[in-house]
Amino acid sequence: MTTSTTTAETPRLNPRIIRRVVLVLFVAGIAAMIASSIADNNGAAVTFGLLTTMAAVSLVLVTAVSPAEALAKPKEAKASTPSTNPQTAKDVEDRIERLVQAGANESEVRKLVSRAVDLGRGK
């Protein structure tokens, strides 16, 4: 009998935590390579070099597959929330009015603006 779990039930690992752990392993691997080389133990140096390579690849992969919001600091995530500039909003509304007065369909123009906003937000 198989059971399926939804994403709401499954705890997610924070990509920032994964990156920190991998970064610690990366730095520790470099230190271990240096120490192994000083101790004239080539096998250990190569082994730690391979582990460090795996950590570097893991760091790149976690960064590549994680959304930008997941990697931002909590303060930065809140600060990056878009705010509405009243002058920009007025300018957009004035431009919509000019296009409508020139003969464009108002609902189509508003749909276009809405889609452009979604595109800018990455949706």
N, C-alpha and C. Protein backbone atom coordinates (compact mmCIF):
# COMPACT_ATOMS: atom_id res chain seq x y z
N MET A 1 0.84 -1.17 0.00
CA MET A 1 0.00 0.00 0.00
C MET A 1 0.89 1.24 0.00
N THR A 2 0.64 2.12 -0.94
CA THR A 2 1.45 3.33 -1.02
C THR A 2 0.66 4.50 -0.50
N THR A 3 1.35 5.40 0.10
CA THR A 3 0.71 6.61 0.57
C THR A 3 1.35 7.78 -0.14
N SER A 4 0.53 8.74 -0.47
CA SER A 4 1.07 9.94 -1.11
C SER A 4 0.94 11.10 -0.14
N THR A 5 1.94 11.92 -0.15
CA THR A 5 1.91 13.09 0.70
C THR A 5 1.86 14.32 -0.18
N THR A 6 1.14 15.29 0.27
CA THR A 6 1.09 16.55 -0.46
C THR A 6 2.22 17.43 -0.01
N THR A 7 2.46 18.47 -0.79
CA THR A 7 3.56 19.36 -0.42
C THR A 7 3.29 20.11 0.88
N ALA A 8 2.01 20.23 1.25
CA ALA A 8 1.69 20.90 2.50
C ALA A 8 2.14 20.06 3.69
N GLU A 9 2.13 18.70 3.52
CA GLU A 9 2.52 17.82 4.60
C GLU A 9 4.03 17.63 4.66
N THR A 10 4.71 17.75 3.54
CA THR A 10 6.13 17.49 3.46
C THR A 10 6.92 18.74 3.84
N PRO A 11 7.78 18.63 4.86
CA PRO A 11 8.58 19.82 5.20
C PRO A 11 9.62 20.07 4.11
N ARG A 12 9.84 21.34 3.79
CA ARG A 12 10.80 21.71 2.76
C ARG A 12 12.07 22.22 3.42
N LEU A 13 13.18 21.88 2.81
CA LEU A 13 14.45 22.41 3.27
C LEU A 13 14.64 23.80 2.68
N ASN A 14 15.12 24.68 3.49
CA ASN A 14 15.38 26.04 3.02
C ASN A 14 16.66 26.02 2.18
N PRO A 15 16.62 26.52 0.93
CA PRO A 15 17.82 26.53 0.09
C PRO A 15 18.97 27.31 0.71
N ARG A 16 18.68 28.32 1.51
CA ARG A 16 19.74 29.08 2.16
C ARG A 16 20.51 28.20 3.13
N ILE A 17 19.81 27.31 3.85
CA ILE A 17 20.47 26.42 4.79
C ILE A 17 21.34 25.41 4.03
N ILE A 18 20.80 24.87 2.94
CA ILE A 18 21.57 23.92 2.14
C ILE A 18 22.83 24.59 1.61
N ARG A 19 22.70 25.81 1.10
CA ARG A 19 23.88 26.52 0.58
C ARG A 19 24.92 26.75 1.66
N ARG A 20 24.48 27.08 2.86
CA ARG A 20 25.44 27.32 3.95
C ARG A 20 26.19 26.04 4.32
N VAL A 21 25.45 24.94 4.41
CA VAL A 21 26.09 23.66 4.75
C VAL A 21 27.10 23.27 3.67
N VAL A 22 26.69 23.41 2.40
CA VAL A 22 27.59 23.05 1.30
C VAL A 22 28.80 23.98 1.27
N LEU A 23 28.61 25.25 1.58
CA LEU A 23 29.72 26.19 1.62
C LEU A 23 30.71 25.83 2.72
N VAL A 24 30.21 25.41 3.88
CA VAL A 24 31.09 24.97 4.97
C VAL A 24 31.88 23.74 4.52
N LEU A 25 31.23 22.79 3.87
CA LEU A 25 31.92 21.60 3.38
C LEU A 25 32.97 21.98 2.34
N PHE A 26 32.65 22.95 1.50
CA PHE A 26 33.58 23.42 0.47
C PHE A 26 34.84 23.98 1.11
N VAL A 27 34.67 24.88 2.07
CA VAL A 27 35.81 25.50 2.73
C VAL A 27 36.61 24.47 3.53
N ALA A 28 35.90 23.56 4.21
CA ALA A 28 36.58 22.52 4.97
C ALA A 28 37.36 21.59 4.03
N GLY A 29 36.82 21.32 2.86
CA GLY A 29 37.52 20.48 1.89
C GLY A 29 38.81 21.12 1.40
N ILE A 30 38.77 22.43 1.19
CA ILE A 30 39.99 23.13 0.76
C ILE A 30 41.04 23.06 1.87
N ALA A 31 40.62 23.28 3.11
CA ALA A 31 41.57 23.20 4.23
C ALA A 31 42.13 21.79 4.35
N ALA A 32 41.28 20.79 4.15
CA ALA A 32 41.75 19.40 4.24
C ALA A 32 42.71 19.06 3.10
N MET A 33 42.48 19.62 1.91
CA MET A 33 43.42 19.40 0.80
C MET A 33 44.79 19.98 1.13
N ILE A 34 44.79 21.18 1.68
CA ILE A 34 46.05 21.83 2.04
C ILE A 34 46.77 21.02 3.12
N ALA A 35 46.02 20.60 4.14
CA ALA A 35 46.63 19.83 5.23
C ALA A 35 47.16 18.50 4.72
N SER A 36 46.42 17.85 3.84
CA SER A 36 46.86 16.57 3.27
C SER A 36 48.11 16.74 2.43
N SER A 37 48.16 17.82 1.69
CA SER A 37 49.34 18.08 0.86
C SER A 37 50.57 18.34 1.73
N ILE A 38 50.39 19.09 2.81
CA ILE A 38 51.50 19.36 3.73
C ILE A 38 51.98 18.06 4.37
N ALA A 39 51.03 17.18 4.69
CA ALA A 39 51.38 15.90 5.31
C ALA A 39 51.91 14.91 4.29
N ASP A 40 52.02 15.33 3.04
CA ASP A 40 52.53 14.50 1.94
C ASP A 40 51.68 13.23 1.74
N ASN A 41 50.37 13.41 1.84
CA ASN A 41 49.43 12.31 1.64
C ASN A 41 48.61 12.64 0.39
N ASN A 42 49.11 12.22 -0.75
CA ASN A 42 48.47 12.57 -2.01
C ASN A 42 47.08 11.96 -2.16
N GLY A 43 46.88 10.76 -1.66
CA GLY A 43 45.57 10.10 -1.77
C GLY A 43 44.49 10.89 -1.05
N ALA A 44 44.81 11.34 0.16
CA ALA A 44 43.85 12.13 0.92
C ALA A 44 43.60 13.48 0.24
N ALA A 45 44.64 14.08 -0.31
CA ALA A 45 44.48 15.36 -0.99
C ALA A 45 43.56 15.23 -2.19
N VAL A 46 43.73 14.16 -2.96
CA VAL A 46 42.86 13.92 -4.11
C VAL A 46 41.43 13.65 -3.66
N THR A 47 41.28 12.86 -2.59
CA THR A 47 39.94 12.57 -2.07
C THR A 47 39.22 13.84 -1.63
N PHE A 48 39.91 14.67 -0.87
CA PHE A 48 39.29 15.93 -0.44
C PHE A 48 39.06 16.86 -1.62
N GLY A 49 39.89 16.78 -2.63
CA GLY A 49 39.67 17.57 -3.84
C GLY A 49 38.39 17.16 -4.54
N LEU A 50 38.15 15.86 -4.61
CA LEU A 50 36.91 15.37 -5.23
C LEU A 50 35.69 15.78 -4.41
N LEU A 51 35.81 15.68 -3.08
CA LEU A 51 34.69 16.11 -2.23
C LEU A 51 34.43 17.61 -2.37
N THR A 52 35.49 18.38 -2.48
CA THR A 52 35.33 19.82 -2.67
C THR A 52 34.68 20.13 -4.01
N THR A 53 35.04 19.36 -5.03
CA THR A 53 34.41 19.52 -6.34
C THR A 53 32.92 19.23 -6.27
N MET A 54 32.56 18.18 -5.55
CA MET A 54 31.14 17.84 -5.39
C MET A 54 30.40 18.96 -4.65
N ALA A 55 31.04 19.54 -3.65
CA ALA A 55 30.42 20.64 -2.92
C ALA A 55 30.23 21.84 -3.83
N ALA A 56 31.21 22.13 -4.68
CA ALA A 56 31.09 23.26 -5.60
C ALA A 56 29.95 23.04 -6.58
N VAL A 57 29.85 21.84 -7.12
CA VAL A 57 28.76 21.52 -8.05
C VAL A 57 27.41 21.61 -7.34
N SER A 58 27.35 21.12 -6.11
CA SER A 58 26.11 21.20 -5.33
C SER A 58 25.71 22.64 -5.09
N LEU A 59 26.69 23.48 -4.78
CA LEU A 59 26.41 24.90 -4.55
C LEU A 59 25.84 25.55 -5.80
N VAL A 60 26.41 25.24 -6.95
CA VAL A 60 25.90 25.79 -8.21
C VAL A 60 24.50 25.28 -8.49
N LEU A 61 24.26 23.98 -8.27
CA LEU A 61 22.94 23.42 -8.55
C LEU A 61 21.86 23.99 -7.64
N VAL A 62 22.14 24.10 -6.36
CA VAL A 62 21.14 24.65 -5.44
C VAL A 62 20.83 26.09 -5.81
N THR A 63 21.84 26.85 -6.17
CA THR A 63 21.62 28.24 -6.57
C THR A 63 20.82 28.31 -7.86
N ALA A 64 21.08 27.41 -8.79
CA ALA A 64 20.40 27.44 -10.09
C ALA A 64 18.94 27.06 -10.00
N VAL A 65 18.60 26.10 -9.17
CA VAL A 65 17.22 25.61 -9.14
C VAL A 65 16.34 26.31 -8.11
N SER A 66 16.91 27.13 -7.27
CA SER A 66 16.13 27.83 -6.25
C SER A 66 15.64 29.16 -6.78
N PRO A 67 14.40 29.52 -6.47
CA PRO A 67 13.92 30.85 -6.85
C PRO A 67 14.68 31.93 -6.08
N ALA A 68 14.77 33.09 -6.67
CA ALA A 68 15.56 34.18 -6.07
C ALA A 68 15.04 34.55 -4.68
N GLU A 69 13.73 34.48 -4.49
CA GLU A 69 13.16 34.85 -3.19
C GLU A 69 13.63 33.91 -2.09
N ALA A 70 13.88 32.65 -2.44
CA ALA A 70 14.30 31.67 -1.44
C ALA A 70 15.73 31.91 -0.98
N LEU A 71 16.52 32.56 -1.79
CA LEU A 71 17.92 32.80 -1.44
C LEU A 71 18.15 34.18 -0.83
N ALA A 72 17.17 35.06 -0.92
CA ALA A 72 17.32 36.40 -0.37
C ALA A 72 17.21 36.37 1.14
N LYS A 73 17.87 37.30 1.79
CA LYS A 73 17.73 37.42 3.22
C LYS A 73 16.31 37.87 3.52
N PRO A 74 15.74 37.51 4.68
CA PRO A 74 14.35 37.88 4.97
C PRO A 74 14.08 39.38 4.85
N LYS A 75 15.03 40.22 5.27
CA LYS A 75 14.84 41.67 5.15
C LYS A 75 14.81 42.08 3.68
N GLU A 76 15.68 41.47 2.86
CA GLU A 76 15.73 41.80 1.45
C GLU A 76 14.47 41.34 0.72
N ALA A 77 13.91 40.21 1.15
CA ALA A 77 12.72 39.70 0.50
C ALA A 77 11.56 40.67 0.70
N LYS A 78 11.45 41.23 1.90
CA LYS A 78 10.38 42.19 2.15
C LYS A 78 10.65 43.50 1.42
N ALA A 79 11.90 43.90 1.37
CA ALA A 79 12.25 45.16 0.72
C ALA A 79 12.05 45.09 -0.78
N SER A 80 12.15 43.88 -1.37
CA SER A 80 12.01 43.77 -2.81
C SER A 80 10.56 43.72 -3.26
N THR A 81 9.62 43.76 -2.31
CA THR A 81 8.21 43.77 -2.67
C THR A 81 7.93 45.06 -3.44
N PRO A 82 7.33 44.93 -4.63
CA PRO A 82 7.11 46.13 -5.43
C PRO A 82 6.14 47.09 -4.76
N SER A 83 6.46 48.35 -4.82
CA SER A 83 5.56 49.38 -4.31
C SER A 83 5.09 50.23 -5.48
N THR A 84 3.92 50.78 -5.34
CA THR A 84 3.34 51.56 -6.41
C THR A 84 3.77 53.01 -6.29
N ASN A 85 4.39 53.51 -7.34
CA ASN A 85 4.76 54.91 -7.41
C ASN A 85 3.58 55.67 -8.01
N PRO A 86 3.00 56.63 -7.29
CA PRO A 86 1.82 57.32 -7.79
C PRO A 86 2.05 58.02 -9.13
N GLN A 87 3.24 58.58 -9.34
CA GLN A 87 3.50 59.26 -10.60
C GLN A 87 3.56 58.28 -11.76
N THR A 88 4.16 57.12 -11.53
CA THR A 88 4.23 56.10 -12.57
C THR A 88 2.84 55.59 -12.89
N ALA A 89 2.03 55.37 -11.85
CA ALA A 89 0.67 54.90 -12.07
C ALA A 89 -0.14 55.92 -12.88
N LYS A 90 0.03 57.20 -12.57
CA LYS A 90 -0.68 58.24 -13.30
C LYS A 90 -0.21 58.29 -14.75
N ASP A 91 1.10 58.14 -14.97
CA ASP A 91 1.64 58.14 -16.32
C ASP A 91 1.08 56.97 -17.14
N VAL A 92 1.03 55.79 -16.54
CA VAL A 92 0.47 54.63 -17.25
C VAL A 92 -0.99 54.86 -17.57
N GLU A 93 -1.73 55.38 -16.61
CA GLU A 93 -3.16 55.64 -16.86
C GLU A 93 -3.35 56.69 -17.96
N ASP A 94 -2.53 57.73 -17.97
CA ASP A 94 -2.61 58.74 -19.03
C ASP A 94 -2.31 58.14 -20.40
N ARG A 95 -1.34 57.27 -20.46
CA ARG A 95 -0.99 56.63 -21.73
C ARG A 95 -2.11 55.71 -22.21
N ILE A 96 -2.75 55.01 -21.26
CA ILE A 96 -3.88 54.16 -21.63
C ILE A 96 -5.00 55.03 -22.21
N GLU A 97 -5.27 56.14 -21.56
CA GLU A 97 -6.33 57.05 -22.05
C GLU A 97 -6.01 57.56 -23.45
N ARG A 98 -4.73 57.91 -23.71
CA ARG A 98 -4.36 58.38 -25.04
C ARG A 98 -4.56 57.30 -26.10
N LEU A 99 -4.21 56.08 -25.76
CA LEU A 99 -4.39 54.98 -26.71
C LEU A 99 -5.88 54.73 -26.98
N VAL A 100 -6.70 54.82 -25.94
CA VAL A 100 -8.14 54.63 -26.11
C VAL A 100 -8.72 55.75 -26.96
N GLN A 101 -8.28 56.98 -26.71
CA GLN A 101 -8.76 58.11 -27.51
C GLN A 101 -8.32 58.01 -28.96
N ALA A 102 -7.19 57.33 -29.20
CA ALA A 102 -6.71 57.15 -30.56
C ALA A 102 -7.43 56.00 -31.27
N GLY A 103 -8.32 55.31 -30.55
CA GLY A 103 -9.12 54.27 -31.19
C GLY A 103 -8.86 52.86 -30.73
N ALA A 104 -7.98 52.67 -29.77
CA ALA A 104 -7.70 51.32 -29.28
C ALA A 104 -8.81 50.85 -28.35
N ASN A 105 -9.02 49.54 -28.33
CA ASN A 105 -10.01 48.94 -27.45
C ASN A 105 -9.49 48.99 -26.02
N GLU A 106 -10.23 49.65 -25.11
CA GLU A 106 -9.76 49.87 -23.75
C GLU A 106 -9.52 48.56 -23.00
N SER A 107 -10.42 47.59 -23.13
CA SER A 107 -10.24 46.34 -22.40
C SER A 107 -9.01 45.59 -22.90
N GLU A 108 -8.73 45.65 -24.20
CA GLU A 108 -7.54 44.99 -24.74
C GLU A 108 -6.26 45.68 -24.26
N VAL A 109 -6.29 47.00 -24.20
CA VAL A 109 -5.12 47.74 -23.72
C VAL A 109 -4.86 47.42 -22.26
N ARG A 110 -5.91 47.35 -21.45
CA ARG A 110 -5.75 47.03 -20.02
C ARG A 110 -5.27 45.60 -19.83
N LYS A 111 -5.75 44.67 -20.66
CA LYS A 111 -5.25 43.29 -20.60
C LYS A 111 -3.76 43.25 -20.95
N LEU A 112 -3.37 44.04 -21.96
CA LEU A 112 -1.96 44.09 -22.34
C LEU A 112 -1.10 44.63 -21.20
N VAL A 113 -1.56 45.68 -20.56
CA VAL A 113 -0.81 46.25 -19.43
C VAL A 113 -0.72 45.24 -18.29
N SER A 114 -1.81 44.55 -18.03
CA SER A 114 -1.82 43.54 -16.97
C SER A 114 -0.83 42.42 -17.27
N ARG A 115 -0.80 41.95 -18.51
CA ARG A 115 0.14 40.91 -18.91
C ARG A 115 1.58 41.41 -18.80
N ALA A 116 1.81 42.68 -19.16
CA ALA A 116 3.15 43.25 -19.05
C ALA A 116 3.61 43.30 -17.60
N VAL A 117 2.71 43.63 -16.70
CA VAL A 117 3.03 43.65 -15.27
C VAL A 117 3.37 42.24 -14.80
N ASP A 118 2.55 41.24 -15.20
CA ASP A 118 2.84 39.86 -14.85
C ASP A 118 4.19 39.41 -15.37
N LEU A 119 4.51 39.82 -16.60
CA LEU A 119 5.81 39.47 -17.18
C LEU A 119 6.95 40.08 -16.36
N GLY A 120 6.77 41.33 -15.97
CA GLY A 120 7.80 42.00 -15.17
C GLY A 120 7.98 41.37 -13.80
N ARG A 121 6.91 40.81 -13.26
CA ARG A 121 6.98 40.15 -11.95
C ARG A 121 7.45 38.72 -12.06
N GLY A 122 7.60 38.23 -13.27
CA GLY A 122 8.09 36.87 -13.47
C GLY A 122 7.01 35.81 -13.33
N LYS A 123 5.78 36.17 -13.57
CA LYS A 123 4.67 35.21 -13.46
C LYS A 123 4.40 34.56 -14.78
